[in-house]
Amino acid sequence: DNSPEFITKYRTCRQQVRKCSGEADHHEGMSSDDELTPSEVAEFQKNKDNVLEDSRKVFEDVHADFCDIRKILLKFQEWKEKFPDSYCEAYISFCLPKLLNPLIRVQLINWNPLEQNFTELEKMPWFRAIEEFSDAKNVSES
């Protein structure tokens, strides 16, 4: 439970334990609430590995043309070039974010910007594909 009431009770209990044990070197605001026990770290890593394994299976039965963002955007680019009126009437610019959302989210499951060696969003393949599609759209409109 991560409710504010639970956290407050937990911290109060820890304060009482520190007072009873005579820990004098504790400084308020320098709490170790965020420190995890080895068993908690192991459990978290196990759950994380399970989620990552499950995420790899999400699109395993989907044809490559429909789970690769670059290929999907290429199909839309071809549609726009061959049938511009139909493309415009279908409001594709409103549909693409909803269509690409699940594909991007799966790729971001393991992304953590707080890690030291994280990949910047701008360097991810899906981001570059969307950027290229947007540039191609702007070039064809001009």
N, C-alpha and C. Protein backbone atom coordinates (compact mmCIF):
# COMPACT_ATOMS: atom_id res chain seq x y z
N ASP A 1 0.86 -1.19 0.00
CA ASP A 1 0.00 0.00 0.00
C ASP A 1 0.90 1.24 0.00
N ASN A 2 0.67 2.16 -0.92
CA ASN A 2 1.47 3.39 -1.01
C ASN A 2 0.63 4.62 -0.72
N SER A 3 -0.43 4.44 0.04
CA SER A 3 -1.28 5.59 0.36
C SER A 3 -0.52 6.53 1.29
N PRO A 4 -0.85 7.82 1.27
CA PRO A 4 -0.16 8.77 2.16
C PRO A 4 -0.28 8.40 3.64
N GLU A 5 -1.44 7.86 4.03
CA GLU A 5 -1.63 7.47 5.43
C GLU A 5 -0.68 6.35 5.82
N PHE A 6 -0.53 5.37 4.93
CA PHE A 6 0.36 4.25 5.20
C PHE A 6 1.81 4.72 5.31
N ILE A 7 2.22 5.59 4.40
CA ILE A 7 3.59 6.10 4.41
C ILE A 7 3.87 6.88 5.70
N THR A 8 2.90 7.70 6.10
CA THR A 8 3.06 8.47 7.34
C THR A 8 3.20 7.53 8.54
N LYS A 9 2.33 6.52 8.63
CA LYS A 9 2.39 5.55 9.72
C LYS A 9 3.72 4.80 9.70
N TYR A 10 4.17 4.45 8.51
CA TYR A 10 5.43 3.73 8.35
C TYR A 10 6.60 4.57 8.84
N ARG A 11 6.63 5.83 8.46
CA ARG A 11 7.71 6.73 8.88
C ARG A 11 7.69 6.96 10.40
N THR A 12 6.48 7.12 10.95
CA THR A 12 6.34 7.31 12.40
C THR A 12 6.87 6.08 13.14
N CYS A 13 6.53 4.92 12.65
CA CYS A 13 6.99 3.68 13.25
C CYS A 13 8.52 3.60 13.18
N ARG A 14 9.09 3.97 12.07
CA ARG A 14 10.55 3.94 11.93
C ARG A 14 11.21 4.94 12.89
N GLN A 15 10.57 6.11 13.07
CA GLN A 15 11.11 7.10 14.03
C GLN A 15 11.15 6.51 15.43
N GLN A 16 10.07 5.84 15.83
CA GLN A 16 10.01 5.24 17.16
C GLN A 16 11.07 4.16 17.32
N VAL A 17 11.28 3.36 16.29
CA VAL A 17 12.29 2.30 16.34
C VAL A 17 13.67 2.92 16.49
N ARG A 18 13.94 4.02 15.76
CA ARG A 18 15.24 4.69 15.87
C ARG A 18 15.46 5.25 17.28
N LYS A 19 14.40 5.85 17.86
CA LYS A 19 14.51 6.40 19.21
C LYS A 19 14.81 5.30 20.22
N CYS A 20 14.10 4.17 20.10
CA CYS A 20 14.29 3.07 21.04
C CYS A 20 15.68 2.44 20.89
N SER A 21 16.18 2.39 19.67
CA SER A 21 17.49 1.74 19.46
C SER A 21 18.64 2.70 19.71
N GLY A 22 18.34 3.99 19.88
CA GLY A 22 19.38 4.96 20.21
C GLY A 22 20.16 5.45 19.00
N GLU A 23 19.60 5.35 17.82
CA GLU A 23 20.27 5.87 16.63
C GLU A 23 20.29 7.38 16.70
N ALA A 24 21.45 7.95 16.94
CA ALA A 24 21.56 9.39 17.07
C ALA A 24 22.06 10.04 15.78
N ASP A 25 22.53 9.25 14.83
CA ASP A 25 23.11 9.84 13.62
C ASP A 25 22.09 10.03 12.50
N HIS A 26 20.82 9.87 12.78
CA HIS A 26 19.79 10.07 11.76
C HIS A 26 19.48 11.55 11.62
N HIS A 27 19.42 12.03 10.40
CA HIS A 27 19.10 13.43 10.12
C HIS A 27 17.77 13.48 9.38
N GLU A 28 16.83 14.28 9.87
CA GLU A 28 15.53 14.41 9.21
C GLU A 28 15.75 14.88 7.78
N GLY A 29 14.99 14.33 6.89
CA GLY A 29 15.12 14.68 5.48
C GLY A 29 16.13 13.81 4.77
N MET A 30 16.92 13.08 5.50
CA MET A 30 17.92 12.19 4.93
C MET A 30 17.45 10.76 5.13
N SER A 31 16.19 10.52 4.85
CA SER A 31 15.57 9.24 5.14
C SER A 31 16.05 8.16 4.18
N SER A 32 16.03 6.97 4.67
CA SER A 32 16.40 5.83 3.84
C SER A 32 15.16 5.04 3.43
N ASP A 33 14.01 5.71 3.40
CA ASP A 33 12.77 5.02 3.02
C ASP A 33 12.86 4.42 1.62
N ASP A 34 13.68 5.06 0.77
CA ASP A 34 13.78 4.59 -0.60
C ASP A 34 14.73 3.41 -0.75
N GLU A 35 15.49 3.10 0.30
CA GLU A 35 16.40 1.98 0.22
C GLU A 35 15.61 0.68 0.31
N LEU A 36 15.96 -0.25 -0.53
CA LEU A 36 15.25 -1.51 -0.57
C LEU A 36 16.11 -2.61 0.02
N THR A 37 15.47 -3.57 0.63
CA THR A 37 16.19 -4.73 1.14
C THR A 37 16.58 -5.60 -0.05
N PRO A 38 17.59 -6.46 0.12
CA PRO A 38 17.99 -7.34 -0.99
C PRO A 38 16.83 -8.20 -1.51
N SER A 39 15.95 -8.64 -0.62
CA SER A 39 14.82 -9.46 -1.08
C SER A 39 13.85 -8.62 -1.92
N GLU A 40 13.67 -7.35 -1.52
CA GLU A 40 12.81 -6.46 -2.31
C GLU A 40 13.43 -6.18 -3.67
N VAL A 41 14.74 -5.99 -3.72
CA VAL A 41 15.43 -5.76 -4.99
C VAL A 41 15.29 -6.98 -5.89
N ALA A 42 15.47 -8.17 -5.33
CA ALA A 42 15.35 -9.41 -6.10
C ALA A 42 13.93 -9.58 -6.63
N GLU A 43 12.96 -9.30 -5.78
CA GLU A 43 11.55 -9.41 -6.19
C GLU A 43 11.23 -8.41 -7.31
N PHE A 44 11.71 -7.19 -7.15
CA PHE A 44 11.49 -6.17 -8.18
C PHE A 44 12.12 -6.60 -9.50
N GLN A 45 13.36 -7.09 -9.45
CA GLN A 45 14.05 -7.51 -10.67
C GLN A 45 13.32 -8.68 -11.33
N LYS A 46 12.82 -9.61 -10.51
CA LYS A 46 12.07 -10.75 -11.05
C LYS A 46 10.80 -10.26 -11.75
N ASN A 47 10.06 -9.35 -11.09
CA ASN A 47 8.85 -8.81 -11.70
C ASN A 47 9.16 -8.03 -12.97
N LYS A 48 10.24 -7.26 -12.94
CA LYS A 48 10.65 -6.49 -14.12
C LYS A 48 10.99 -7.42 -15.28
N ASP A 49 11.74 -8.48 -14.99
CA ASP A 49 12.10 -9.45 -16.03
C ASP A 49 10.86 -10.11 -16.61
N ASN A 50 9.88 -10.43 -15.75
CA ASN A 50 8.63 -11.03 -16.23
C ASN A 50 7.88 -10.08 -17.15
N VAL A 51 7.82 -8.82 -16.78
CA VAL A 51 7.13 -7.83 -17.60
C VAL A 51 7.83 -7.68 -18.95
N LEU A 52 9.15 -7.60 -18.93
CA LEU A 52 9.91 -7.47 -20.17
C LEU A 52 9.73 -8.69 -21.06
N GLU A 53 9.72 -9.86 -20.46
CA GLU A 53 9.50 -11.09 -21.23
C GLU A 53 8.11 -11.09 -21.86
N ASP A 54 7.11 -10.71 -21.08
CA ASP A 54 5.75 -10.63 -21.61
C ASP A 54 5.64 -9.58 -22.71
N SER A 55 6.35 -8.48 -22.57
CA SER A 55 6.27 -7.41 -23.58
C SER A 55 6.86 -7.86 -24.91
N ARG A 56 7.83 -8.78 -24.87
CA ARG A 56 8.41 -9.29 -26.12
C ARG A 56 7.41 -10.16 -26.89
N LYS A 57 6.43 -10.70 -26.17
CA LYS A 57 5.46 -11.61 -26.77
C LYS A 57 4.23 -10.89 -27.32
N VAL A 58 4.08 -9.61 -27.01
CA VAL A 58 2.85 -8.89 -27.35
C VAL A 58 2.58 -8.92 -28.85
N PHE A 59 3.61 -8.68 -29.65
CA PHE A 59 3.40 -8.59 -31.09
C PHE A 59 4.01 -9.77 -31.85
N GLU A 60 4.28 -10.88 -31.16
CA GLU A 60 4.94 -12.00 -31.83
C GLU A 60 4.07 -12.65 -32.91
N ASP A 61 2.77 -12.54 -32.81
CA ASP A 61 1.89 -13.15 -33.82
C ASP A 61 1.38 -12.12 -34.83
N VAL A 62 1.98 -10.94 -34.86
CA VAL A 62 1.56 -9.88 -35.77
C VAL A 62 2.54 -9.82 -36.94
N HIS A 63 2.01 -9.67 -38.13
CA HIS A 63 2.86 -9.56 -39.32
C HIS A 63 3.78 -8.35 -39.18
N ALA A 64 5.01 -8.48 -39.65
CA ALA A 64 6.03 -7.43 -39.47
C ALA A 64 5.60 -6.08 -40.04
N ASP A 65 4.77 -6.10 -41.08
CA ASP A 65 4.32 -4.84 -41.67
C ASP A 65 3.42 -4.04 -40.73
N PHE A 66 2.87 -4.71 -39.72
CA PHE A 66 1.92 -4.03 -38.83
C PHE A 66 2.43 -3.82 -37.41
N CYS A 67 3.69 -4.17 -37.16
CA CYS A 67 4.26 -3.90 -35.83
C CYS A 67 5.58 -3.15 -35.92
N ASP A 68 5.94 -2.71 -37.11
CA ASP A 68 7.14 -1.91 -37.31
C ASP A 68 6.69 -0.49 -37.68
N ILE A 69 7.02 0.46 -36.83
CA ILE A 69 6.55 1.84 -37.01
C ILE A 69 6.99 2.41 -38.35
N ARG A 70 8.22 2.15 -38.74
CA ARG A 70 8.73 2.67 -40.02
C ARG A 70 7.89 2.14 -41.19
N LYS A 71 7.57 0.85 -41.16
CA LYS A 71 6.78 0.25 -42.25
C LYS A 71 5.36 0.79 -42.26
N ILE A 72 4.79 0.99 -41.09
CA ILE A 72 3.43 1.54 -41.01
C ILE A 72 3.41 2.96 -41.58
N LEU A 73 4.38 3.76 -41.18
CA LEU A 73 4.42 5.14 -41.67
C LEU A 73 4.69 5.20 -43.17
N LEU A 74 5.46 4.25 -43.68
CA LEU A 74 5.69 4.18 -45.13
C LEU A 74 4.38 3.93 -45.88
N LYS A 75 3.54 3.06 -45.32
CA LYS A 75 2.22 2.80 -45.94
C LYS A 75 1.38 4.07 -45.96
N PHE A 76 1.40 4.82 -44.87
CA PHE A 76 0.64 6.07 -44.83
C PHE A 76 1.21 7.10 -45.79
N GLN A 77 2.53 7.13 -45.92
CA GLN A 77 3.17 8.06 -46.85
C GLN A 77 2.77 7.73 -48.29
N GLU A 78 2.75 6.44 -48.61
CA GLU A 78 2.32 6.02 -49.95
C GLU A 78 0.86 6.40 -50.18
N TRP A 79 0.02 6.19 -49.19
CA TRP A 79 -1.40 6.55 -49.31
C TRP A 79 -1.53 8.04 -49.58
N LYS A 80 -0.78 8.83 -48.83
CA LYS A 80 -0.86 10.28 -48.98
C LYS A 80 -0.42 10.72 -50.37
N GLU A 81 0.62 10.09 -50.89
CA GLU A 81 1.12 10.47 -52.21
C GLU A 81 0.20 10.01 -53.33
N LYS A 82 -0.40 8.82 -53.20
CA LYS A 82 -1.26 8.28 -54.27
C LYS A 82 -2.68 8.81 -54.21
N PHE A 83 -3.21 9.00 -53.00
CA PHE A 83 -4.60 9.42 -52.84
C PHE A 83 -4.69 10.56 -51.82
N PRO A 84 -4.18 11.75 -52.14
CA PRO A 84 -4.13 12.84 -51.16
C PRO A 84 -5.50 13.26 -50.62
N ASP A 85 -6.52 13.24 -51.48
CA ASP A 85 -7.85 13.65 -51.02
C ASP A 85 -8.39 12.68 -49.97
N SER A 86 -8.28 11.39 -50.26
CA SER A 86 -8.74 10.36 -49.33
C SER A 86 -7.96 10.43 -48.02
N TYR A 87 -6.66 10.62 -48.14
CA TYR A 87 -5.79 10.72 -46.96
C TYR A 87 -6.23 11.89 -46.08
N CYS A 88 -6.50 13.01 -46.68
CA CYS A 88 -6.91 14.20 -45.95
C CYS A 88 -8.28 14.00 -45.29
N GLU A 89 -9.20 13.39 -46.03
CA GLU A 89 -10.55 13.17 -45.51
C GLU A 89 -10.58 12.18 -44.34
N ALA A 90 -9.56 11.33 -44.25
CA ALA A 90 -9.52 10.31 -43.18
C ALA A 90 -8.92 10.86 -41.88
N TYR A 91 -8.51 12.11 -41.88
CA TYR A 91 -7.92 12.75 -40.69
C TYR A 91 -6.80 11.89 -40.10
N ILE A 92 -5.87 11.52 -40.94
CA ILE A 92 -4.78 10.64 -40.52
C ILE A 92 -3.93 11.26 -39.43
N SER A 93 -3.73 12.56 -39.47
CA SER A 93 -2.90 13.19 -38.44
C SER A 93 -3.49 12.98 -37.04
N PHE A 94 -4.81 12.80 -36.94
CA PHE A 94 -5.44 12.52 -35.65
C PHE A 94 -5.38 11.03 -35.29
N CYS A 95 -5.33 10.18 -36.31
CA CYS A 95 -5.34 8.73 -36.08
C CYS A 95 -3.97 8.16 -35.76
N LEU A 96 -2.92 8.72 -36.33
CA LEU A 96 -1.58 8.15 -36.16
C LEU A 96 -1.14 8.04 -34.69
N PRO A 97 -1.33 9.06 -33.87
CA PRO A 97 -0.91 8.90 -32.47
C PRO A 97 -1.59 7.72 -31.77
N LYS A 98 -2.87 7.53 -32.03
CA LYS A 98 -3.58 6.40 -31.40
C LYS A 98 -3.12 5.07 -31.97
N LEU A 99 -2.80 5.05 -33.25
CA LEU A 99 -2.35 3.83 -33.90
C LEU A 99 -0.95 3.44 -33.42
N LEU A 100 -0.06 4.41 -33.29
CA LEU A 100 1.33 4.13 -32.93
C LEU A 100 1.54 3.99 -31.42
N ASN A 101 0.61 4.48 -30.63
CA ASN A 101 0.75 4.48 -29.17
C ASN A 101 1.13 3.11 -28.60
N PRO A 102 0.43 2.03 -28.92
CA PRO A 102 0.80 0.74 -28.32
C PRO A 102 2.20 0.28 -28.74
N LEU A 103 2.57 0.56 -29.97
CA LEU A 103 3.88 0.15 -30.46
C LEU A 103 5.00 0.90 -29.73
N ILE A 104 4.79 2.18 -29.50
CA ILE A 104 5.78 3.00 -28.81
C ILE A 104 5.85 2.62 -27.34
N ARG A 105 4.71 2.40 -26.74
CA ARG A 105 4.68 2.06 -25.31
C ARG A 105 5.44 0.77 -25.02
N VAL A 106 5.31 -0.21 -25.90
CA VAL A 106 6.03 -1.47 -25.73
C VAL A 106 7.54 -1.22 -25.79
N GLN A 107 7.95 -0.32 -26.67
CA GLN A 107 9.38 -0.02 -26.79
C GLN A 107 9.90 0.79 -25.60
N LEU A 108 9.00 1.48 -24.91
CA LEU A 108 9.42 2.31 -23.77
C LEU A 108 9.30 1.61 -22.42
N ILE A 109 8.85 0.36 -22.41
CA ILE A 109 8.65 -0.33 -21.14
C ILE A 109 9.94 -0.36 -20.32
N ASN A 110 11.05 -0.61 -20.94
CA ASN A 110 12.31 -0.72 -20.21
C ASN A 110 13.08 0.60 -20.16
N TRP A 111 12.55 1.65 -20.73
CA TRP A 111 13.25 2.94 -20.78
C TRP A 111 13.15 3.63 -19.44
N ASN A 112 14.29 4.07 -18.92
CA ASN A 112 14.31 4.76 -17.63
C ASN A 112 15.25 5.96 -17.74
N PRO A 113 14.69 7.17 -17.82
CA PRO A 113 15.55 8.35 -17.97
C PRO A 113 16.37 8.67 -16.73
N LEU A 114 16.12 7.99 -15.62
CA LEU A 114 16.88 8.24 -14.40
C LEU A 114 18.15 7.39 -14.31
N GLU A 115 18.29 6.43 -15.22
CA GLU A 115 19.51 5.64 -15.24
C GLU A 115 20.62 6.45 -15.89
N GLN A 116 21.85 6.12 -15.57
CA GLN A 116 22.98 6.86 -16.10
C GLN A 116 23.13 6.67 -17.60
N ASN A 117 22.95 5.48 -18.09
CA ASN A 117 23.18 5.19 -19.51
C ASN A 117 21.88 5.01 -20.27
N PHE A 118 20.93 5.92 -20.08
CA PHE A 118 19.67 5.78 -20.78
C PHE A 118 19.79 6.32 -22.20
N THR A 119 18.97 5.78 -23.10
CA THR A 119 18.94 6.24 -24.48
C THR A 119 17.99 7.44 -24.56
N GLU A 120 18.45 8.49 -25.19
CA GLU A 120 17.59 9.66 -25.34
C GLU A 120 16.47 9.34 -26.32
N LEU A 121 15.31 9.91 -26.08
CA LEU A 121 14.15 9.64 -26.94
C LEU A 121 14.46 9.95 -28.40
N GLU A 122 15.18 11.05 -28.64
CA GLU A 122 15.47 11.47 -30.01
C GLU A 122 16.33 10.47 -30.76
N LYS A 123 16.99 9.57 -30.05
CA LYS A 123 17.86 8.59 -30.69
C LYS A 123 17.19 7.23 -30.87
N MET A 124 15.97 7.10 -30.39
CA MET A 124 15.27 5.82 -30.52
C MET A 124 14.74 5.67 -31.95
N PRO A 125 14.75 4.44 -32.47
CA PRO A 125 14.31 4.21 -33.86
C PRO A 125 12.90 4.70 -34.15
N TRP A 126 11.96 4.48 -33.23
CA TRP A 126 10.58 4.92 -33.47
C TRP A 126 10.50 6.44 -33.57
N PHE A 127 11.29 7.14 -32.78
CA PHE A 127 11.28 8.60 -32.80
C PHE A 127 11.81 9.10 -34.14
N ARG A 128 12.92 8.51 -34.59
CA ARG A 128 13.50 8.93 -35.87
C ARG A 128 12.55 8.63 -37.03
N ALA A 129 11.84 7.51 -36.95
CA ALA A 129 10.89 7.17 -38.01
C ALA A 129 9.77 8.20 -38.08
N ILE A 130 9.25 8.60 -36.93
CA ILE A 130 8.18 9.60 -36.90
C ILE A 130 8.71 10.95 -37.38
N GLU A 131 9.92 11.27 -36.99
CA GLU A 131 10.55 12.53 -37.40
C GLU A 131 10.73 12.56 -38.92
N GLU A 132 11.20 11.45 -39.50
CA GLU A 132 11.36 11.37 -40.95
C GLU A 132 10.01 11.49 -41.65
N PHE A 133 9.00 10.84 -41.10
CA PHE A 133 7.66 10.93 -41.68
C PHE A 133 7.16 12.36 -41.63
N SER A 134 7.38 13.04 -40.53
CA SER A 134 6.96 14.44 -40.40
C SER A 134 7.71 15.32 -41.37
N ASP A 135 9.00 15.11 -41.54
CA ASP A 135 9.78 15.88 -42.50
C ASP A 135 9.29 15.62 -43.92
N ALA A 136 9.01 14.37 -44.24
CA ALA A 136 8.51 14.04 -45.58
C ALA A 136 7.16 14.69 -45.82
N LYS A 137 6.34 14.73 -44.76
CA LYS A 137 5.01 15.37 -44.87
C LYS A 137 5.18 16.85 -45.14
N ASN A 138 6.10 17.51 -44.42
CA ASN A 138 6.32 18.94 -44.62
C ASN A 138 6.89 19.24 -45.99
N VAL A 139 7.79 18.38 -46.50
CA VAL A 139 8.37 18.59 -47.82
C VAL A 139 7.30 18.45 -48.90
N SER A 140 6.45 17.42 -48.79
CA SER A 140 5.43 17.21 -49.81
C SER A 140 4.36 18.30 -49.78
N GLU A 141 4.11 18.87 -48.59
CA GLU A 141 3.10 19.94 -48.52
C GLU A 141 3.63 21.23 -49.14
N SER A 142 4.95 21.46 -49.04
CA SER A 142 5.49 22.68 -49.62
C SER A 142 5.71 22.47 -51.11
